[in-house]
Amino acid sequence: MKLVYFAWVRERIGRPDETLDLPPEVATVADLVAWLKGRGEEYAYAFETEGVVRAAVDRVHAKPETHLAGAREVAFFPPMTGG
């Protein structure tokens, strides 16, 4: 699965994207975040505050309980503001 990181999430992780084989127990966005946090201190730092980082699955905004079955891409980004 392709993972894409934007803004300060990218800066904290140190890369704009990566392609990973996810273990079978990673079924939802929340599972993916928990698994990523265990991959190293840079991931733990990026996802340190639960619920702050947003996700999109195949370019559609997703909630933590969104299932990843069949997904090709998950993007992570900080909350957006606009005007």
C-alpha atoms as a PDB file:
ATOM      1  CA  MET A   1       0.000   0.000   0.000  1.00  0.00           C
ATOM      2  CA  LYS A   2       1.217   3.491  -0.758  1.00  0.00           C
ATOM      3  CA  LEU A   3       1.342   5.885   2.171  1.00  0.00           C
ATOM      4  CA  VAL A   4       1.653   9.609   1.516  1.00  0.00           C
ATOM      5  CA  TYR A   5       2.574  12.213   4.120  1.00  0.00           C
ATOM      6  CA  PHE A   6       1.886  15.952   3.910  1.00  0.00           C
ATOM      7  CA  ALA A   7       3.058  19.130   5.693  1.00  0.00           C
ATOM      8  CA  TRP A   8       4.470  18.627   9.195  1.00  0.00           C
ATOM      9  CA  VAL A   9       3.590  14.918   9.145  1.00  0.00           C
ATOM     10  CA  ARG A  10       6.053  14.553   6.249  1.00  0.00           C
ATOM     11  CA  GLU A  11       8.634  16.661   8.075  1.00  0.00           C
ATOM     12  CA  ARG A  12       8.404  14.579  11.247  1.00  0.00           C
ATOM     13  CA  ILE A  13       8.573  11.249   9.422  1.00  0.00           C
ATOM     14  CA  GLY A  14      11.307  12.467   7.094  1.00  0.00           C
ATOM     15  CA  ARG A  15       9.863  11.288   3.781  1.00  0.00           C
ATOM     16  CA  PRO A  16       7.010  12.285   1.477  1.00  0.00           C
ATOM     17  CA  ASP A  17       5.745   8.756   0.820  1.00  0.00           C
ATOM     18  CA  GLU A  18       6.525   5.073   0.966  1.00  0.00           C
ATOM     19  CA  THR A  19       5.086   1.775  -0.178  1.00  0.00           C
ATOM     20  CA  LEU A  20       4.673  -0.887   2.499  1.00  0.00           C
ATOM     21  CA  ASP A  21       3.244  -4.365   2.869  1.00  0.00           C
ATOM     22  CA  LEU A  22       0.889  -4.130   5.815  1.00  0.00           C
ATOM     23  CA  PRO A  23       0.456  -7.030   8.222  1.00  0.00           C
ATOM     24  CA  PRO A  24      -2.950  -8.752   8.181  1.00  0.00           C
ATOM     25  CA  GLU A  25      -3.955  -7.309  11.562  1.00  0.00           C
ATOM     26  CA  VAL A  26      -3.933  -3.771  10.115  1.00  0.00           C
ATOM     27  CA  ALA A  27      -7.571  -3.504   9.024  1.00  0.00           C
ATOM     28  CA  THR A  28      -8.524   0.129   9.683  1.00  0.00           C
ATOM     29  CA  VAL A  29      -6.981   3.589   9.572  1.00  0.00           C
ATOM     30  CA  ALA A  30      -6.654   3.472  13.381  1.00  0.00           C
ATOM     31  CA  ASP A  31      -4.846   0.114  13.155  1.00  0.00           C
ATOM     32  CA  LEU A  32      -2.490   1.595  10.567  1.00  0.00           C
ATOM     33  CA  VAL A  33      -1.668   4.589  12.757  1.00  0.00           C
ATOM     34  CA  ALA A  34      -0.991   2.318  15.752  1.00  0.00           C
ATOM     35  CA  TRP A  35       1.228   0.079  13.625  1.00  0.00           C
ATOM     36  CA  LEU A  36       3.126   3.042  12.178  1.00  0.00           C
ATOM     37  CA  LYS A  37       3.761   4.452  15.659  1.00  0.00           C
ATOM     38  CA  GLY A  38       5.612   1.238  16.452  1.00  0.00           C
ATOM     39  CA  ARG A  39       7.922   1.577  13.435  1.00  0.00           C
ATOM     40  CA  GLY A  40      10.185   4.173  15.055  1.00  0.00           C
ATOM     41  CA  GLU A  41      10.443   7.408  16.953  1.00  0.00           C
ATOM     42  CA  GLU A  42       9.812   9.556  13.873  1.00  0.00           C
ATOM     43  CA  TYR A  43       6.425   7.874  13.337  1.00  0.00           C
ATOM     44  CA  ALA A  44       5.603   8.017  17.039  1.00  0.00           C
ATOM     45  CA  TYR A  45       6.384  11.745  16.958  1.00  0.00           C
ATOM     46  CA  ALA A  46       4.227  12.356  13.864  1.00  0.00           C
ATOM     47  CA  PHE A  47       1.229  10.554  15.371  1.00  0.00           C
ATOM     48  CA  GLU A  48       1.846  11.442  19.031  1.00  0.00           C
ATOM     49  CA  THR A  49      -1.476  13.199  19.622  1.00  0.00           C
ATOM     50  CA  GLU A  50      -4.446  10.954  18.909  1.00  0.00           C
ATOM     51  CA  GLY A  51      -6.990  12.393  16.529  1.00  0.00           C
ATOM     52  CA  VAL A  52      -4.949  15.347  15.262  1.00  0.00           C
ATOM     53  CA  VAL A  53      -3.604  13.870  12.031  1.00  0.00           C
ATOM     54  CA  ARG A  54      -6.263  13.387   9.362  1.00  0.00           C
ATOM     55  CA  ALA A  55      -6.381  10.580   6.802  1.00  0.00           C
ATOM     56  CA  ALA A  56      -7.690  10.047   3.306  1.00  0.00           C
ATOM     57  CA  VAL A  57      -8.153   6.588   1.814  1.00  0.00           C
ATOM     58  CA  ASP A  58      -7.900   6.616  -1.964  1.00  0.00           C
ATOM     59  CA  ARG A  59      -8.324  10.412  -1.858  1.00  0.00           C
ATOM     60  CA  VAL A  60     -11.504  10.385   0.233  1.00  0.00           C
ATOM     61  CA  HIS A  61     -11.440  11.736   3.794  1.00  0.00           C
ATOM     62  CA  ALA A  62     -11.562   8.818   6.206  1.00  0.00           C
ATOM     63  CA  LYS A  63     -12.350   8.276   9.872  1.00  0.00           C
ATOM     64  CA  PRO A  64     -10.211   6.091  12.139  1.00  0.00           C
ATOM     65  CA  GLU A  65     -12.682   3.214  11.808  1.00  0.00           C
ATOM     66  CA  THR A  66     -12.515   3.245   7.982  1.00  0.00           C
ATOM     67  CA  HIS A  67     -11.510  -0.170   6.657  1.00  0.00           C
ATOM     68  CA  LEU A  68      -8.488  -0.461   4.382  1.00  0.00           C
ATOM     69  CA  ALA A  69      -9.527  -3.595   2.448  1.00  0.00           C
ATOM     70  CA  GLY A  70      -8.974  -2.919  -1.238  1.00  0.00           C
ATOM     71  CA  ALA A  71      -7.409   0.506  -0.670  1.00  0.00           C
ATOM     72  CA  ARG A  72      -4.400   1.473  -2.744  1.00  0.00           C
ATOM     73  CA  GLU A  73      -3.339   4.684  -0.982  1.00  0.00           C
ATOM     74  CA  VAL A  74      -3.618   6.292   2.427  1.00  0.00           C
ATOM     75  CA  ALA A  75      -2.595   9.921   2.885  1.00  0.00           C
ATOM     76  CA  PHE A  76      -1.937  11.570   6.229  1.00  0.00           C
ATOM     77  CA  PHE A  77      -2.077  15.308   6.788  1.00  0.00           C
ATOM     78  CA  PRO A  78      -2.562  17.816   9.606  1.00  0.00           C
ATOM     79  CA  PRO A  79      -5.865  19.645  10.110  1.00  0.00           C
ATOM     80  CA  MET A  80      -6.453  22.255   7.444  1.00  0.00           C
ATOM     81  CA  THR A  81      -7.616  25.790   7.902  1.00  0.00           C
ATOM     82  CA  GLY A  82      -8.836  28.042   5.220  1.00  0.00           C
ATOM     83  CA  GLY A  83     -10.604  31.183   4.443  1.00  0.00           C
END
